[in-house]
Amino acid sequence: MTIAYLNGDYMPLEEARISPMDRGFLFGDGIYEVIPSYGGRMVGFGPHISRMNDGLSAIEINHKWDHDQWRKLCTSLLEKNGNGNLGIYLHVTRGADSKRNHAYPEGIPATLFGYAFEIPEPPVADRNLVKPYTCSTGQDLRWDRCNIKSISLLGNVLHYQQGHQKGDGEILLYNENNELTECGACNAYIVKNGVVATPPLDNQILPGITRQLVLKVLQDDASIPLEERVITMDEVWDADEVWISSSSKEIAPVVKLDGKPVGDGKVGPVWEAAARLYKAGKFDF
């Protein structure tokens, strides 16, 4: 039985209820986070919570919890759900008003929901054993504030479904200038001649926590050259390796795009080296 948290109370997930007037339900007016944990150890707790609080500030939801308060909630959810391999889902909306109105209501409390769900073991850092991904490509048609981790994910869902319907695990998106942005639910990278490149953060791209951690370990180790820069889709098609990253996938290799092989169509050595560095990282800060 999954134990969830809703507005100060713990309860079985199936008993959690919100008002149909909640602005998260009516408008997608809220912010969310997903934090992976393995055996009770959270990965990247600090950056995840900083992004959560930044998102709440960006859309002016008044829910002022500090890291210690969030940590207490997350730790309780892990303990109440067995401390196995769990993802922690956190979700804050502007709350429920008595009427539906686009303007922000005043004087209503935010809705805070959280629960933990089982996740698989983290992927192995061995190019002979890891399960690679295939991806589709498509023009990015989402809104212009993708840097906010909003619960309003219809644009991402529609794009992700494009790849899913083709049997792919993700979709790489590009803007009107034919420049790589990100994926339906991941950040993206290419490797050419041993150099890793990823698009710089701006309003088109979610500041992924796994992306932040990947860049940190590469910069700290300095054995793999790294660039944050604009990447054209011509460069993507010419890449030796393509990667995607997210909290659930960590760094994942992509071996086909739109049915065509990436490089030689095999998982590459630079991915394996980066994945091993990532595995050795200490990320609960």
C-alpha atoms as a PDB file:
ATOM      1  CA  MET A   1       0.000   0.000   0.000  1.00  0.00           C
ATOM      2  CA  THR A   2       1.406   3.366  -1.050  1.00  0.00           C
ATOM      3  CA  ILE A   3       1.305   6.076   1.611  1.00  0.00           C
ATOM      4  CA  ALA A   4       0.846   9.620   0.300  1.00  0.00           C
ATOM      5  CA  TYR A   5       0.946  13.080   1.855  1.00  0.00           C
ATOM      6  CA  LEU A   6      -1.753  15.691   1.267  1.00  0.00           C
ATOM      7  CA  ASN A   7      -1.928  19.046   3.018  1.00  0.00           C
ATOM      8  CA  GLY A   8      -0.422  17.936   6.316  1.00  0.00           C
ATOM      9  CA  ASP A   9      -1.792  14.397   6.514  1.00  0.00           C
ATOM     10  CA  TYR A  10      -0.453  10.974   5.541  1.00  0.00           C
ATOM     11  CA  MET A  11      -2.908   8.484   4.058  1.00  0.00           C
ATOM     12  CA  PRO A  12      -3.193   5.598   1.594  1.00  0.00           C
ATOM     13  CA  LEU A  13      -2.770   7.001  -1.911  1.00  0.00           C
ATOM     14  CA  GLU A  14      -6.215   5.818  -3.003  1.00  0.00           C
ATOM     15  CA  GLU A  15      -7.793   7.923  -0.234  1.00  0.00           C
ATOM     16  CA  ALA A  16      -6.146  11.216  -1.281  1.00  0.00           C
ATOM     17  CA  ARG A  17      -8.694  13.719  -2.615  1.00  0.00           C
ATOM     18  CA  ILE A  18      -8.535  17.279  -3.909  1.00  0.00           C
ATOM     19  CA  SER A  19     -11.301  19.715  -4.795  1.00  0.00           C
ATOM     20  CA  PRO A  20     -12.339  19.898  -8.466  1.00  0.00           C
ATOM     21  CA  MET A  21     -11.883  23.654  -7.987  1.00  0.00           C
ATOM     22  CA  ASP A  22      -8.163  23.206  -7.342  1.00  0.00           C
ATOM     23  CA  ARG A  23      -6.243  25.379  -9.796  1.00  0.00           C
ATOM     24  CA  GLY A  24      -3.866  22.535 -10.532  1.00  0.00           C
ATOM     25  CA  PHE A  25      -6.844  20.574 -11.858  1.00  0.00           C
ATOM     26  CA  LEU A  26      -8.452  23.520 -13.652  1.00  0.00           C
ATOM     27  CA  PHE A  27      -5.410  25.346 -15.044  1.00  0.00           C
ATOM     28  CA  GLY A  28      -2.308  23.178 -14.533  1.00  0.00           C
ATOM     29  CA  ASP A  29      -1.308  25.969 -12.141  1.00  0.00           C
ATOM     30  CA  GLY A  30       1.510  24.415 -10.136  1.00  0.00           C
ATOM     31  CA  ILE A  31       5.046  23.103  -9.897  1.00  0.00           C
ATOM     32  CA  TYR A  32       6.345  19.562  -9.410  1.00  0.00           C
ATOM     33  CA  GLU A  33       9.543  17.627  -8.767  1.00  0.00           C
ATOM     34  CA  VAL A  34      10.597  13.971  -8.927  1.00  0.00           C
ATOM     35  CA  ILE A  35      13.535  12.908  -6.759  1.00  0.00           C
ATOM     36  CA  PRO A  36      15.015   9.399  -7.143  1.00  0.00           C
ATOM     37  CA  SER A  37      16.245   7.492  -4.101  1.00  0.00           C
ATOM     38  CA  TYR A  38      17.978   4.154  -3.667  1.00  0.00           C
ATOM     39  CA  GLY A  39      17.786   2.375  -0.324  1.00  0.00           C
ATOM     40  CA  GLY A  40      16.677   5.587   1.383  1.00  0.00           C
ATOM     41  CA  ARG A  41      19.441   7.758  -0.184  1.00  0.00           C
ATOM     42  CA  MET A  42      18.112  10.608  -2.299  1.00  0.00           C
ATOM     43  CA  VAL A  43      19.993  11.662  -5.428  1.00  0.00           C
ATOM     44  CA  GLY A  44      20.436  15.400  -5.888  1.00  0.00           C
ATOM     45  CA  PHE A  45      18.018  16.371  -3.131  1.00  0.00           C
ATOM     46  CA  GLY A  46      19.395  19.905  -2.754  1.00  0.00           C
ATOM     47  CA  PRO A  47      19.278  20.893  -6.443  1.00  0.00           C
ATOM     48  CA  HIS A  48      15.806  19.364  -6.823  1.00  0.00           C
ATOM     49  CA  ILE A  49      14.418  21.405  -3.945  1.00  0.00           C
ATOM     50  CA  SER A  50      16.159  24.571  -5.117  1.00  0.00           C
ATOM     51  CA  ARG A  51      14.499  24.129  -8.516  1.00  0.00           C
ATOM     52  CA  MET A  52      11.141  23.485  -6.837  1.00  0.00           C
ATOM     53  CA  ASN A  53      11.393  26.681  -4.815  1.00  0.00           C
ATOM     54  CA  ASP A  54      12.620  28.649  -7.850  1.00  0.00           C
ATOM     55  CA  GLY A  55       9.612  27.425  -9.835  1.00  0.00           C
ATOM     56  CA  LEU A  56       7.180  28.381  -7.087  1.00  0.00           C
ATOM     57  CA  SER A  57       8.700  31.853  -6.960  1.00  0.00           C
ATOM     58  CA  ALA A  58       8.579  32.184 -10.761  1.00  0.00           C
ATOM     59  CA  ILE A  59       4.810  31.643 -10.842  1.00  0.00           C
ATOM     60  CA  GLU A  60       4.230  33.431  -7.512  1.00  0.00           C
ATOM     61  CA  ILE A  61       2.868  30.546  -5.448  1.00  0.00           C
ATOM     62  CA  ASN A  62       3.326  31.415  -1.796  1.00  0.00           C
ATOM     63  CA  HIS A  63       4.605  28.174  -0.300  1.00  0.00           C
ATOM     64  CA  LYS A  64       7.749  29.077   1.622  1.00  0.00           C
ATOM     65  CA  TRP A  65       9.298  25.803   2.755  1.00  0.00           C
ATOM     66  CA  ASP A  66      13.032  25.593   3.306  1.00  0.00           C
ATOM     67  CA  HIS A  67      15.220  22.583   2.490  1.00  0.00           C
ATOM     68  CA  ASP A  68      14.861  21.112   5.987  1.00  0.00           C
ATOM     69  CA  GLN A  69      11.066  21.092   5.763  1.00  0.00           C
ATOM     70  CA  TRP A  70      11.166  19.453   2.340  1.00  0.00           C
ATOM     71  CA  ARG A  71      13.738  16.930   3.561  1.00  0.00           C
ATOM     72  CA  LYS A  72      11.526  15.981   6.507  1.00  0.00           C
ATOM     73  CA  LEU A  73       8.594  15.332   4.159  1.00  0.00           C
ATOM     74  CA  CYS A  74      10.702  13.335   1.687  1.00  0.00           C
ATOM     75  CA  THR A  75      12.330  11.259   4.428  1.00  0.00           C
ATOM     76  CA  SER A  76       8.918  10.479   5.930  1.00  0.00           C
ATOM     77  CA  LEU A  77       7.535   9.386   2.570  1.00  0.00           C
ATOM     78  CA  LEU A  78      10.540   7.110   2.017  1.00  0.00           C
ATOM     79  CA  GLU A  79      10.252   5.559   5.480  1.00  0.00           C
ATOM     80  CA  LYS A  80       6.485   5.067   5.250  1.00  0.00           C
ATOM     81  CA  ASN A  81       6.921   3.347   1.871  1.00  0.00           C
ATOM     82  CA  GLY A  82       9.739   0.969   2.789  1.00  0.00           C
ATOM     83  CA  ASN A  83      12.928   2.843   1.818  1.00  0.00           C
ATOM     84  CA  GLY A  84      13.538   0.746  -1.287  1.00  0.00           C
ATOM     85  CA  ASN A  85      14.272   2.084  -4.753  1.00  0.00           C
ATOM     86  CA  LEU A  86      11.704   4.862  -4.825  1.00  0.00           C
ATOM     87  CA  GLY A  87      10.925   8.033  -6.703  1.00  0.00           C
ATOM     88  CA  ILE A  88       9.452  10.866  -4.656  1.00  0.00           C
ATOM     89  CA  TYR A  89       6.830  12.931  -6.469  1.00  0.00           C
ATOM     90  CA  LEU A  90       6.208  16.426  -5.028  1.00  0.00           C
ATOM     91  CA  HIS A  91       3.404  18.612  -6.365  1.00  0.00           C
ATOM     92  CA  VAL A  92       2.339  22.115  -5.270  1.00  0.00           C
ATOM     93  CA  THR A  93      -0.607  23.998  -6.763  1.00  0.00           C
ATOM     94  CA  ARG A  94      -1.972  27.457  -6.062  1.00  0.00           C
ATOM     95  CA  GLY A  95      -4.894  25.837  -4.210  1.00  0.00           C
ATOM     96  CA  ALA A  96      -8.678  25.687  -4.521  1.00  0.00           C
ATOM     97  CA  ASP A  97     -10.869  28.773  -4.841  1.00  0.00           C
ATOM     98  CA  SER A  98     -14.669  29.083  -4.719  1.00  0.00           C
ATOM     99  CA  LYS A  99     -14.848  30.171  -8.358  1.00  0.00           C
ATOM    100  CA  ARG A 100     -12.944  29.615 -11.595  1.00  0.00           C
ATOM    101  CA  ASN A 101     -11.017  32.746 -12.581  1.00  0.00           C
ATOM    102  CA  HIS A 102      -7.807  33.134 -14.570  1.00  0.00           C
ATOM    103  CA  ALA A 103      -6.452  35.792 -12.182  1.00  0.00           C
ATOM    104  CA  TYR A 104      -4.554  34.569  -9.122  1.00  0.00           C
ATOM    105  CA  PRO A 105      -6.906  34.312  -6.125  1.00  0.00           C
ATOM    106  CA  GLU A 106      -5.852  35.853  -2.827  1.00  0.00           C
ATOM    107  CA  GLY A 107      -5.891  34.304   0.613  1.00  0.00           C
ATOM    108  CA  ILE A 108      -6.155  30.618  -0.299  1.00  0.00           C
ATOM    109  CA  PRO A 109      -3.628  28.026   0.883  1.00  0.00           C
ATOM    110  CA  ALA A 110      -1.515  26.123  -1.611  1.00  0.00           C
ATOM    111  CA  THR A 111      -2.219  22.424  -2.155  1.00  0.00           C
ATOM    112  CA  LEU A 112       0.767  20.198  -1.312  1.00  0.00           C
ATOM    113  CA  PHE A 113       0.765  16.566  -2.445  1.00  0.00           C
ATOM    114  CA  GLY A 114       3.504  13.969  -2.386  1.00  0.00           C
ATOM    115  CA  TYR A 115       3.906  10.236  -2.780  1.00  0.00           C
ATOM    116  CA  ALA A 116       6.599   7.629  -3.384  1.00  0.00           C
ATOM    117  CA  PHE A 117       6.609   5.041  -6.157  1.00  0.00           C
ATOM    118  CA  GLU A 118       8.852   2.139  -7.059  1.00  0.00           C
ATOM    119  CA  ILE A 119      11.635   2.725  -9.583  1.00  0.00           C
ATOM    120  CA  PRO A 120      14.044   0.199 -11.119  1.00  0.00           C
ATOM    121  CA  GLU A 121      17.679  -0.202 -10.201  1.00  0.00           C
ATOM    122  CA  PRO A 122      19.822   2.535 -11.759  1.00  0.00           C
ATOM    123  CA  PRO A 123      21.134   1.646 -15.223  1.00  0.00           C
ATOM    124  CA  VAL A 124      24.539  -0.011 -15.432  1.00  0.00           C
ATOM    125  CA  ALA A 125      27.593   1.925 -16.658  1.00  0.00           C
ATOM    126  CA  ASP A 126      28.685  -0.790 -19.092  1.00  0.00           C
ATOM    127  CA  ARG A 127      28.177  -0.293 -22.812  1.00  0.00           C
ATOM    128  CA  ASN A 128      27.898  -4.057 -23.360  1.00  0.00           C
ATOM    129  CA  LEU A 129      25.088  -4.417 -20.811  1.00  0.00           C
ATOM    130  CA  VAL A 130      23.161  -1.142 -20.813  1.00  0.00           C
ATOM    131  CA  LYS A 131      19.853  -0.966 -22.646  1.00  0.00           C
ATOM    132  CA  PRO A 132      20.174   1.811 -25.267  1.00  0.00           C
ATOM    133  CA  TYR A 133      17.376   4.037 -26.515  1.00  0.00           C
ATOM    134  CA  THR A 134      15.980   4.819 -29.920  1.00  0.00           C
ATOM    135  CA  CYS A 135      14.506   8.277 -30.475  1.00  0.00           C
ATOM    136  CA  SER A 136      12.384  10.180 -32.936  1.00  0.00           C
ATOM    137  CA  THR A 137      12.957  13.828 -33.852  1.00  0.00           C
ATOM    138  CA  GLY A 138      10.457  16.662 -34.198  1.00  0.00           C
ATOM    139  CA  GLN A 139      10.024  20.435 -34.095  1.00  0.00           C
ATOM    140  CA  ASP A 140       9.571  21.836 -30.606  1.00  0.00           C
ATOM    141  CA  LEU A 141       6.041  23.286 -30.439  1.00  0.00           C
ATOM    142  CA  ARG A 142       5.793  23.850 -26.675  1.00  0.00           C
ATOM    143  CA  TRP A 143       5.413  27.179 -24.863  1.00  0.00           C
ATOM    144  CA  ASP A 144       8.294  29.628 -24.405  1.00  0.00           C
ATOM    145  CA  ARG A 145       8.885  29.062 -20.687  1.00  0.00           C
ATOM    146  CA  CYS A 146      10.100  25.476 -20.664  1.00  0.00           C
ATOM    147  CA  ASN A 147      12.608  26.410 -17.957  1.00  0.00           C
ATOM    148  CA  ILE A 148       9.723  26.280 -15.435  1.00  0.00           C
ATOM    149  CA  LYS A 149       8.886  22.755 -14.248  1.00  0.00           C
ATOM    150  CA  SER A 150       5.152  23.281 -14.482  1.00  0.00           C
ATOM    151  CA  ILE A 151       2.581  20.548 -13.890  1.00  0.00           C
ATOM    152  CA  SER A 152       1.011  21.733 -17.168  1.00  0.00           C
ATOM    153  CA  LEU A 153       2.773  19.185 -19.363  1.00  0.00           C
ATOM    154  CA  LEU A 154       0.440  18.766 -22.333  1.00  0.00           C
ATOM    155  CA  GLY A 155       3.034  20.037 -24.802  1.00  0.00           C
ATOM    156  CA  ASN A 156       5.601  17.558 -23.503  1.00  0.00           C
ATOM    157  CA  VAL A 157       3.028  14.759 -23.475  1.00  0.00           C
ATOM    158  CA  LEU A 158       2.068  15.362 -27.102  1.00  0.00           C
ATOM    159  CA  HIS A 159       5.701  15.346 -28.210  1.00  0.00           C
ATOM    160  CA  TYR A 160       6.575  12.288 -26.116  1.00  0.00           C
ATOM    161  CA  GLN A 161       3.598  10.477 -27.638  1.00  0.00           C
ATOM    162  CA  GLN A 162       4.986  11.171 -31.126  1.00  0.00           C
ATOM    163  CA  GLY A 163       8.006   9.045 -30.277  1.00  0.00           C
ATOM    164  CA  HIS A 164       6.049   6.495 -28.301  1.00  0.00           C
ATOM    165  CA  GLN A 165       3.707   5.789 -31.206  1.00  0.00           C
ATOM    166  CA  LYS A 166       6.756   4.955 -33.333  1.00  0.00           C
ATOM    167  CA  GLY A 167       8.101   2.566 -30.702  1.00  0.00           C
ATOM    168  CA  ASP A 168      10.799   4.987 -29.524  1.00  0.00           C
ATOM    169  CA  GLY A 169      11.711   5.810 -25.946  1.00  0.00           C
ATOM    170  CA  GLU A 170      12.014   9.578 -26.469  1.00  0.00           C
ATOM    171  CA  ILE A 171      11.886  12.388 -29.007  1.00  0.00           C
ATOM    172  CA  LEU A 172      14.662  14.926 -29.671  1.00  0.00           C
ATOM    173  CA  LEU A 173      13.218  18.384 -30.291  1.00  0.00           C
ATOM    174  CA  TYR A 174      14.544  21.271 -32.349  1.00  0.00           C
ATOM    175  CA  ASN A 175      13.462  24.896 -32.592  1.00  0.00           C
ATOM    176  CA  GLU A 176      12.532  26.983 -35.645  1.00  0.00           C
ATOM    177  CA  ASN A 177      16.233  27.611 -36.286  1.00  0.00           C
ATOM    178  CA  ASN A 178      16.898  23.863 -36.561  1.00  0.00           C
ATOM    179  CA  GLU A 179      18.758  23.916 -33.215  1.00  0.00           C
ATOM    180  CA  LEU A 180      18.531  21.125 -30.662  1.00  0.00           C
ATOM    181  CA  THR A 181      16.553  22.042 -27.521  1.00  0.00           C
ATOM    182  CA  GLU A 182      15.749  18.973 -25.393  1.00  0.00           C
ATOM    183  CA  CYS A 183      13.416  15.980 -25.365  1.00  0.00           C
ATOM    184  CA  GLY A 184       9.874  15.256 -24.255  1.00  0.00           C
ATOM    185  CA  ALA A 185      11.100  14.413 -20.751  1.00  0.00           C
ATOM    186  CA  CYS A 186      14.920  14.566 -20.902  1.00  0.00           C
ATOM    187  CA  ASN A 187      17.886  16.803 -21.637  1.00  0.00           C
ATOM    188  CA  ALA A 188      20.040  15.985 -24.667  1.00  0.00           C
ATOM    189  CA  TYR A 189      23.754  15.783 -25.546  1.00  0.00           C
ATOM    190  CA  ILE A 190      25.966  14.903 -28.500  1.00  0.00           C
ATOM    191  CA  VAL A 191      29.536  13.637 -28.673  1.00  0.00           C
ATOM    192  CA  LYS A 192      31.869  14.393 -31.593  1.00  0.00           C
ATOM    193  CA  ASN A 193      35.569  13.502 -31.651  1.00  0.00           C
ATOM    194  CA  GLY A 194      35.504  12.845 -27.916  1.00  0.00           C
ATOM    195  CA  VAL A 195      33.942  16.223 -26.995  1.00  0.00           C
ATOM    196  CA  VAL A 196      30.587  16.298 -25.191  1.00  0.00           C
ATOM    197  CA  ALA A 197      28.232  19.162 -26.075  1.00  0.00           C
ATOM    198  CA  THR A 198      24.813  20.112 -24.692  1.00  0.00           C
ATOM    199  CA  PRO A 199      22.598  23.130 -25.406  1.00  0.00           C
ATOM    200  CA  PRO A 200      22.984  26.074 -22.996  1.00  0.00           C
ATOM    201  CA  LEU A 201      20.176  26.754 -20.533  1.00  0.00           C
ATOM    202  CA  ASP A 202      17.566  29.274 -21.601  1.00  0.00           C
ATOM    203  CA  ASN A 203      13.776  29.534 -21.733  1.00  0.00           C
ATOM    204  CA  GLN A 204      13.593  26.608 -24.197  1.00  0.00           C
ATOM    205  CA  ILE A 205      15.175  24.090 -21.840  1.00  0.00           C
ATOM    206  CA  LEU A 206      14.362  22.713 -18.398  1.00  0.00           C
ATOM    207  CA  PRO A 207      17.397  23.012 -16.098  1.00  0.00           C
ATOM    208  CA  GLY A 208      17.528  19.262 -15.528  1.00  0.00           C
ATOM    209  CA  ILE A 209      19.022  18.148 -12.234  1.00  0.00           C
ATOM    210  CA  THR A 210      20.676  15.103 -13.787  1.00  0.00           C
ATOM    211  CA  ARG A 211      22.064  17.453 -16.460  1.00  0.00           C
ATOM    212  CA  GLN A 212      23.497  19.629 -13.680  1.00  0.00           C
ATOM    213  CA  LEU A 213      25.061  16.617 -11.984  1.00  0.00           C
ATOM    214  CA  VAL A 214      26.460  15.228 -15.254  1.00  0.00           C
ATOM    215  CA  LEU A 215      28.093  18.554 -16.065  1.00  0.00           C
ATOM    216  CA  LYS A 216      29.502  18.748 -12.540  1.00  0.00           C
ATOM    217  CA  VAL A 217      31.230  15.364 -12.680  1.00  0.00           C
ATOM    218  CA  LEU A 218      32.609  16.049 -16.161  1.00  0.00           C
ATOM    219  CA  GLN A 219      33.930  19.452 -15.131  1.00  0.00           C
ATOM    220  CA  ASP A 220      35.402  18.109 -11.882  1.00  0.00           C
ATOM    221  CA  ASP A 221      37.135  15.200 -13.602  1.00  0.00           C
ATOM    222  CA  ALA A 222      38.243  17.180 -16.682  1.00  0.00           C
ATOM    223  CA  SER A 223      39.159  14.035 -18.632  1.00  0.00           C
ATOM    224  CA  ILE A 224      36.232  14.470 -21.033  1.00  0.00           C
ATOM    225  CA  PRO A 225      36.003  17.840 -22.818  1.00  0.00           C
ATOM    226  CA  LEU A 226      32.637  19.573 -22.342  1.00  0.00           C
ATOM    227  CA  GLU A 227      30.894  22.411 -24.165  1.00  0.00           C
ATOM    228  CA  GLU A 228      27.611  24.190 -23.466  1.00  0.00           C
ATOM    229  CA  ARG A 229      26.660  25.750 -26.798  1.00  0.00           C
ATOM    230  CA  VAL A 230      24.094  25.928 -29.560  1.00  0.00           C
ATOM    231  CA  ILE A 231      23.882  22.599 -31.428  1.00  0.00           C
ATOM    232  CA  THR A 232      22.348  22.338 -34.895  1.00  0.00           C
ATOM    233  CA  MET A 233      20.434  19.294 -35.987  1.00  0.00           C
ATOM    234  CA  ASP A 234      23.052  18.768 -38.699  1.00  0.00           C
ATOM    235  CA  GLU A 235      25.528  18.250 -35.847  1.00  0.00           C
ATOM    236  CA  VAL A 236      23.136  15.825 -34.178  1.00  0.00           C
ATOM    237  CA  TRP A 237      22.941  13.736 -37.337  1.00  0.00           C
ATOM    238  CA  ASP A 238      26.731  13.815 -37.672  1.00  0.00           C
ATOM    239  CA  ALA A 239      27.410  12.949 -34.010  1.00  0.00           C
ATOM    240  CA  ASP A 240      29.463   9.961 -32.891  1.00  0.00           C
ATOM    241  CA  GLU A 241      27.205   9.524 -29.857  1.00  0.00           C
ATOM    242  CA  VAL A 242      23.901  10.960 -28.645  1.00  0.00           C
ATOM    243  CA  TRP A 243      22.783  10.862 -25.001  1.00  0.00           C
ATOM    244  CA  ILE A 244      19.683  11.786 -23.052  1.00  0.00           C
ATOM    245  CA  SER A 245      19.421  12.289 -19.298  1.00  0.00           C
ATOM    246  CA  SER A 246      16.760  12.445 -16.608  1.00  0.00           C
ATOM    247  CA  SER A 247      16.356  11.495 -12.958  1.00  0.00           C
ATOM    248  CA  SER A 248      15.007   8.061 -13.878  1.00  0.00           C
ATOM    249  CA  LYS A 249      17.333   7.352 -16.830  1.00  0.00           C
ATOM    250  CA  GLU A 250      20.518   8.965 -15.431  1.00  0.00           C
ATOM    251  CA  ILE A 251      22.684   9.256 -18.605  1.00  0.00           C
ATOM    252  CA  ALA A 252      21.278   7.049 -21.350  1.00  0.00           C
ATOM    253  CA  PRO A 253      22.829   6.283 -24.749  1.00  0.00           C
ATOM    254  CA  VAL A 254      20.821   6.680 -27.964  1.00  0.00           C
ATOM    255  CA  VAL A 255      21.746   4.385 -30.850  1.00  0.00           C
ATOM    256  CA  LYS A 256      19.084   5.300 -33.433  1.00  0.00           C
ATOM    257  CA  LEU A 257      17.341   8.509 -34.511  1.00  0.00           C
ATOM    258  CA  ASP A 258      14.286   8.193 -36.752  1.00  0.00           C
ATOM    259  CA  GLY A 259      15.387   4.644 -37.477  1.00  0.00           C
ATOM    260  CA  LYS A 260      18.896   5.651 -38.585  1.00  0.00           C
ATOM    261  CA  PRO A 261      22.008   4.658 -36.607  1.00  0.00           C
ATOM    262  CA  VAL A 262      23.829   7.200 -34.464  1.00  0.00           C
ATOM    263  CA  GLY A 263      27.523   6.908 -35.348  1.00  0.00           C
ATOM    264  CA  ASP A 264      28.241   3.206 -35.762  1.00  0.00           C
ATOM    265  CA  GLY A 265      24.908   2.312 -34.148  1.00  0.00           C
ATOM    266  CA  LYS A 266      26.539   1.059 -30.943  1.00  0.00           C
ATOM    267  CA  VAL A 267      26.806   2.460 -27.432  1.00  0.00           C
ATOM    268  CA  GLY A 268      29.938   4.597 -27.386  1.00  0.00           C
ATOM    269  CA  PRO A 269      33.029   4.681 -25.158  1.00  0.00           C
ATOM    270  CA  VAL A 270      32.560   8.326 -24.109  1.00  0.00           C
ATOM    271  CA  TRP A 271      29.103   7.492 -22.742  1.00  0.00           C
ATOM    272  CA  GLU A 272      30.583   4.622 -20.721  1.00  0.00           C
ATOM    273  CA  ALA A 273      33.318   6.831 -19.267  1.00  0.00           C
ATOM    274  CA  ALA A 274      30.804   9.543 -18.335  1.00  0.00           C
ATOM    275  CA  ALA A 275      28.382   7.022 -16.863  1.00  0.00           C
ATOM    276  CA  ARG A 276      31.112   5.599 -14.636  1.00  0.00           C
ATOM    277  CA  LEU A 277      31.989   9.086 -13.407  1.00  0.00           C
ATOM    278  CA  TYR A 278      28.315   9.729 -12.693  1.00  0.00           C
ATOM    279  CA  LYS A 279      28.011   6.492 -10.713  1.00  0.00           C
ATOM    280  CA  ALA A 280      30.918   7.571  -8.525  1.00  0.00           C
ATOM    281  CA  GLY A 281      29.354  10.967  -7.758  1.00  0.00           C
ATOM    282  CA  LYS A 282      27.939  11.974  -4.377  1.00  0.00           C
ATOM    283  CA  PHE A 283      24.796  13.934  -5.049  1.00  0.00           C
ATOM    284  CA  ASP A 284      22.684  14.348  -1.908  1.00  0.00           C
ATOM    285  CA  PHE A 285      23.501  17.998  -1.197  1.00  0.00           C
END
